[in-house]
């Protein structure tokens, strides 16, 4: 059980506190809690997810106990895409596809999609990804980011080209564009060999739409990449650049000094 605030007022303050039951304790769940308590002290503190932490929860991704399986999915969904790369070829496609069978499981679909893309040795997983990502990146899908990541994980440069073309389509909604750029960023982070292909796409986007400048500047800073510095610098002189984007660009450009 947990004890805490369950409702909030208009100012975001907790107005009532009570005990809430999380799950009934079974021998298997007690074993899980004991293992979690023992191993958590070995995980480094901070926001970054350690490989040991991801590996611990991954052991429960195919567990017959739905509570433990859900706990694993929730924890793995929280970590950065780079942290789940250790789960390549570790989860059967059939287990992941179970998340698509019920409306009650919709919250687990995004992480299931990302994990599907990492199962390179599973032909079924690759077939599913290849059948879904091309359509998802062309329309404003709620899972566009996840399918784009999975597509790049499976098809690499071919998927990057498809995303580049999707960004050039007419009337692309801003949130959809940001999802695709985020997918390119995260893919370029885990696969540096794709950056030479991704950076020209980012350059084209900067020339056409300053609204994506912040995400691109963050990617260039994290990659320690300078090829777009001149373009980013020119944006600082535009009147319609918002203060946050301006600050991020200035921080990126000053990091090379």
Protein backbone atom coordinates (compact mmCIF):
# COMPACT_ATOMS: atom_id res chain seq x y z
CA UNK A 1 0.00 0.00 0.00
CA UNK A 2 1.02 3.63 -0.42
CA UNK A 3 0.02 6.70 1.55
CA UNK A 4 -0.30 10.03 -0.19
CA UNK A 5 -2.38 12.74 -1.78
CA UNK A 6 -5.13 11.43 -4.03
CA UNK A 7 -6.89 14.68 -5.03
CA UNK A 8 -5.67 18.23 -5.65
CA UNK A 9 -7.34 21.63 -5.64
CA UNK A 10 -7.12 24.27 -8.37
CA UNK A 11 -3.70 25.41 -7.14
CA UNK A 12 -2.31 21.89 -7.32
CA UNK A 13 -2.28 21.40 -3.53
CA UNK A 14 -3.15 18.06 -2.02
CA UNK A 15 -6.48 18.22 -0.22
CA UNK A 16 -6.78 14.68 1.06
CA UNK A 17 -4.43 11.86 1.93
CA UNK A 18 -5.15 8.21 2.46
CA UNK A 19 -3.79 4.70 2.09
CA UNK A 20 -4.17 3.19 -1.38
CA UNK A 21 -3.83 -0.50 -2.13
CA UNK A 22 -1.36 -1.20 -4.94
CA UNK A 23 -1.60 -4.99 -5.10
CA UNK A 24 -2.12 -8.06 -2.94
CA UNK A 25 1.10 -9.71 -1.80
CA UNK A 26 1.76 -13.17 -3.22
CA UNK A 27 4.94 -15.27 -2.78
CA UNK A 28 6.14 -14.25 -6.26
CA UNK A 29 5.47 -10.56 -5.61
CA UNK A 30 7.22 -10.78 -2.24
CA UNK A 31 10.21 -12.35 -3.99
CA UNK A 32 10.18 -9.48 -6.50
CA UNK A 33 10.09 -6.84 -3.73
CA UNK A 34 12.93 -8.53 -1.87
CA UNK A 35 15.03 -8.68 -5.04
CA UNK A 36 14.22 -5.04 -5.82
CA UNK A 37 15.19 -3.97 -2.31
CA UNK A 38 18.48 -5.87 -2.53
CA UNK A 39 19.48 -4.68 -6.01
CA UNK A 40 18.35 -1.06 -5.86
CA UNK A 41 21.26 -0.16 -3.58
CA UNK A 42 23.64 -1.13 -6.37
CA UNK A 43 22.06 1.30 -8.86
CA UNK A 44 23.62 4.76 -9.21
CA UNK A 45 21.46 7.65 -8.09
CA UNK A 46 20.35 10.39 -10.46
CA UNK A 47 18.14 10.63 -13.52
CA UNK A 48 20.13 8.35 -15.80
CA UNK A 49 18.98 4.77 -15.94
CA UNK A 50 21.72 2.23 -15.31
CA UNK A 51 22.03 -0.92 -17.36
CA UNK A 52 21.63 -2.95 -14.18
CA UNK A 53 18.30 -1.28 -13.39
CA UNK A 54 16.95 -1.83 -16.91
CA UNK A 55 18.16 -5.43 -16.90
CA UNK A 56 16.49 -6.06 -13.54
CA UNK A 57 13.05 -5.00 -14.70
CA UNK A 58 13.52 -6.66 -18.09
CA UNK A 59 13.50 -10.01 -16.31
CA UNK A 60 9.80 -9.46 -15.65
CA UNK A 61 8.69 -8.39 -19.15
CA UNK A 62 7.35 -11.86 -19.91
CA UNK A 63 6.25 -12.76 -16.40
CA UNK A 64 2.96 -14.61 -16.02
CA UNK A 65 1.95 -12.25 -13.17
CA UNK A 66 0.38 -9.23 -14.90
CA UNK A 67 1.23 -6.92 -12.00
CA UNK A 68 4.95 -7.69 -12.27
CA UNK A 69 4.82 -7.50 -16.04
CA UNK A 70 3.11 -4.10 -15.87
CA UNK A 71 5.68 -2.86 -13.36
CA UNK A 72 8.47 -3.83 -15.74
CA UNK A 73 6.82 -2.10 -18.69
CA UNK A 74 6.22 1.09 -16.69
CA UNK A 75 9.83 1.27 -15.52
CA UNK A 76 11.29 0.57 -18.97
CA UNK A 77 8.92 3.08 -20.56
CA UNK A 78 10.38 5.76 -18.28
CA UNK A 79 14.03 5.39 -19.25
CA UNK A 80 15.72 7.10 -22.23
CA UNK A 81 15.78 5.23 -25.53
CA UNK A 82 19.55 4.85 -25.26
CA UNK A 83 19.14 2.90 -22.02
CA UNK A 84 17.00 0.14 -23.52
CA UNK A 85 19.48 -0.80 -26.23
CA UNK A 86 20.67 -3.65 -24.00
CA UNK A 87 17.27 -5.29 -24.58
CA UNK A 88 17.98 -6.11 -28.23
CA UNK A 89 16.84 -9.64 -29.05
CA UNK A 90 15.64 -10.36 -25.51
CA UNK A 91 11.82 -10.17 -25.75
CA UNK A 92 9.62 -12.34 -27.97
CA UNK A 93 7.42 -10.42 -30.40
CA UNK A 94 4.33 -12.36 -29.28
CA UNK A 95 4.75 -11.06 -25.72
CA UNK A 96 4.98 -7.48 -26.93
CA UNK A 97 2.06 -7.78 -29.33
CA UNK A 98 -0.22 -8.67 -26.42
CA UNK A 99 -0.26 -4.97 -25.56
CA UNK A 100 -2.15 -4.24 -28.78
CA UNK A 101 -5.06 -6.56 -27.98
CA UNK A 102 -7.02 -4.47 -25.50
CA UNK A 103 -8.03 -0.84 -25.04
CA UNK A 104 -7.07 -1.26 -21.41
CA UNK A 105 -3.46 -1.83 -22.47
CA UNK A 106 -3.08 1.30 -24.63
CA UNK A 107 -0.70 2.98 -22.19
CA UNK A 108 1.79 0.15 -22.75
CA UNK A 109 1.70 0.31 -26.56
CA UNK A 110 4.48 2.94 -26.99
CA UNK A 111 7.09 0.99 -25.04
CA UNK A 112 6.02 -2.23 -26.76
CA UNK A 113 6.59 -0.57 -30.16
CA UNK A 114 10.07 0.63 -29.17
CA UNK A 115 10.98 -2.82 -27.90
CA UNK A 116 9.64 -4.46 -31.07
CA UNK A 117 12.11 -2.46 -33.12
CA UNK A 118 15.00 -3.85 -31.09
CA UNK A 119 14.18 -7.51 -31.71
CA UNK A 120 16.38 -7.80 -34.81
CA UNK A 121 16.51 -11.59 -34.75
CA UNK A 122 12.73 -11.97 -34.60
CA UNK A 123 11.28 -12.02 -38.12
CA UNK A 124 7.76 -11.47 -36.83
CA UNK A 125 8.83 -8.33 -34.97
CA UNK A 126 10.58 -6.94 -38.05
CA UNK A 127 7.59 -7.73 -40.26
CA UNK A 128 5.22 -5.91 -37.90
CA UNK A 129 7.48 -2.85 -37.69
CA UNK A 130 7.91 -2.66 -41.47
CA UNK A 131 4.16 -2.90 -41.98
CA UNK A 132 3.39 -0.06 -39.56
CA UNK A 133 6.08 2.58 -39.46
CA UNK A 134 5.78 3.93 -43.05
CA UNK A 135 2.13 4.86 -42.56
CA UNK A 136 2.62 6.17 -39.03
CA UNK A 137 5.34 8.66 -39.98
CA UNK A 138 3.20 10.05 -42.80
CA UNK A 139 0.22 10.90 -40.64
CA UNK A 140 -0.21 12.55 -37.28
CA UNK A 141 -0.28 9.33 -35.31
CA UNK A 142 -0.12 9.25 -31.54
CA UNK A 143 2.60 6.65 -31.86
CA UNK A 144 4.58 8.32 -34.65
CA UNK A 145 7.65 8.81 -32.46
CA UNK A 146 7.71 5.18 -31.37
CA UNK A 147 7.10 3.72 -34.82
CA UNK A 148 9.75 6.04 -36.27
CA UNK A 149 12.26 4.80 -33.69
CA UNK A 150 11.33 1.19 -34.39
CA UNK A 151 11.54 1.75 -38.15
CA UNK A 152 15.02 3.23 -37.91
CA UNK A 153 16.12 0.42 -35.60
CA UNK A 154 15.00 -2.12 -38.20
CA UNK A 155 15.69 -0.40 -41.54
CA UNK A 156 18.30 2.22 -40.65
CA UNK A 157 19.04 4.62 -43.57
CA UNK A 158 15.90 3.58 -45.47
CA UNK A 159 13.70 4.65 -42.55
CA UNK A 160 15.68 7.88 -42.06
CA UNK A 161 15.02 8.76 -45.73
CA UNK A 162 11.33 8.02 -45.26
CA UNK A 163 11.17 10.31 -42.24
CA UNK A 164 13.00 13.04 -44.15
CA UNK A 165 10.39 12.79 -46.90
CA UNK A 166 7.55 12.84 -44.37
CA UNK A 167 8.90 16.07 -42.90
CA UNK A 168 8.70 17.63 -46.36
CA UNK A 169 5.06 16.69 -46.88
CA UNK A 170 2.50 19.48 -47.11
CA UNK A 171 0.62 20.58 -44.00
CA UNK A 172 2.66 18.60 -41.47
CA UNK A 173 1.34 19.39 -38.00
CA UNK A 174 3.90 20.88 -35.65
CA UNK A 175 3.54 18.22 -32.96
CA UNK A 176 3.96 15.48 -35.57
CA UNK A 177 7.06 17.19 -36.95
CA UNK A 178 8.52 17.43 -33.46
CA UNK A 179 7.86 13.72 -32.88
CA UNK A 180 9.77 12.79 -36.04
CA UNK A 181 12.68 15.10 -35.20
CA UNK A 182 12.81 13.64 -31.71
CA UNK A 183 12.97 10.14 -33.22
CA UNK A 184 15.82 11.18 -35.52
CA UNK A 185 17.62 12.71 -32.55
CA UNK A 186 17.32 9.64 -30.34
CA UNK A 187 18.26 7.33 -33.21
CA UNK A 188 21.30 9.43 -34.03
CA UNK A 189 22.31 9.28 -30.38
CA UNK A 190 22.34 5.47 -30.26
CA UNK A 191 23.57 5.04 -33.86
CA UNK A 192 26.23 7.68 -34.62
CA UNK A 193 26.68 6.22 -38.11
CA UNK A 194 23.31 7.73 -39.07
CA UNK A 195 24.24 11.30 -38.16
CA UNK A 196 25.70 12.18 -41.55
CA UNK A 197 22.30 11.36 -43.02
CA UNK A 198 20.26 13.05 -40.28
CA UNK A 199 22.14 16.36 -40.13
CA UNK A 200 21.22 17.43 -43.71
CA UNK A 201 17.56 16.77 -42.80
CA UNK A 202 17.95 18.97 -39.75
CA UNK A 203 19.67 21.64 -41.87
CA UNK A 204 16.72 21.68 -44.26
CA UNK A 205 14.29 21.94 -41.37
CA UNK A 206 16.16 24.89 -39.87
CA UNK A 207 15.99 26.68 -43.21
CA UNK A 208 12.23 26.14 -43.46
CA UNK A 209 10.90 26.18 -39.89
CA UNK A 210 12.53 27.93 -36.94
CA UNK A 211 10.04 26.30 -34.56
CA UNK A 212 12.13 23.12 -34.56
CA UNK A 213 15.36 24.94 -33.76
CA UNK A 214 15.37 24.17 -30.05
CA UNK A 215 15.13 20.39 -30.51
CA UNK A 216 17.80 20.45 -33.20
CA UNK A 217 20.11 22.67 -31.15
CA UNK A 218 19.84 20.28 -28.21
CA UNK A 219 20.69 17.34 -30.48
CA UNK A 220 23.71 19.13 -31.94
CA UNK A 221 24.93 20.01 -28.45
CA UNK A 222 24.54 16.45 -27.20
CA UNK A 223 26.30 15.05 -30.27
CA UNK A 224 29.11 17.62 -29.94
CA UNK A 225 28.34 18.52 -33.56
CA UNK A 226 29.22 21.90 -35.12
CA UNK A 227 28.04 21.58 -38.72
CA UNK A 228 24.82 23.49 -38.09
CA UNK A 229 26.32 26.22 -35.91
CA UNK A 230 26.21 28.84 -38.66
CA UNK A 231 22.52 28.22 -39.32
CA UNK A 232 21.68 28.23 -35.65
CA UNK A 233 23.62 31.45 -35.20
CA UNK A 234 21.61 33.20 -37.90
CA UNK A 235 18.37 32.31 -36.13
CA UNK A 236 19.44 34.37 -33.11
CA UNK A 237 18.86 37.51 -35.17
CA UNK A 238 15.27 36.60 -36.04
CA UNK A 239 12.60 38.54 -34.21
CA UNK A 240 10.21 35.61 -33.85
CA UNK A 241 12.62 33.32 -31.97
CA UNK A 242 11.21 32.68 -28.51
CA UNK A 243 13.45 33.32 -25.47
CA UNK A 244 13.81 29.63 -24.52
CA UNK A 245 14.95 28.63 -28.02
CA UNK A 246 17.29 31.61 -28.08
CA UNK A 247 18.82 30.55 -24.77
CA UNK A 248 19.30 26.94 -25.92
CA UNK A 249 20.98 28.05 -29.16
CA UNK A 250 23.25 30.45 -27.28
CA UNK A 251 24.18 27.70 -24.82
CA UNK A 252 24.97 25.33 -27.68
CA UNK A 253 27.11 27.84 -29.54
CA UNK A 254 28.99 28.94 -26.42
CA UNK A 255 29.87 25.32 -25.59
CA UNK A 256 32.43 25.22 -28.41
CA UNK A 257 34.38 28.16 -27.00
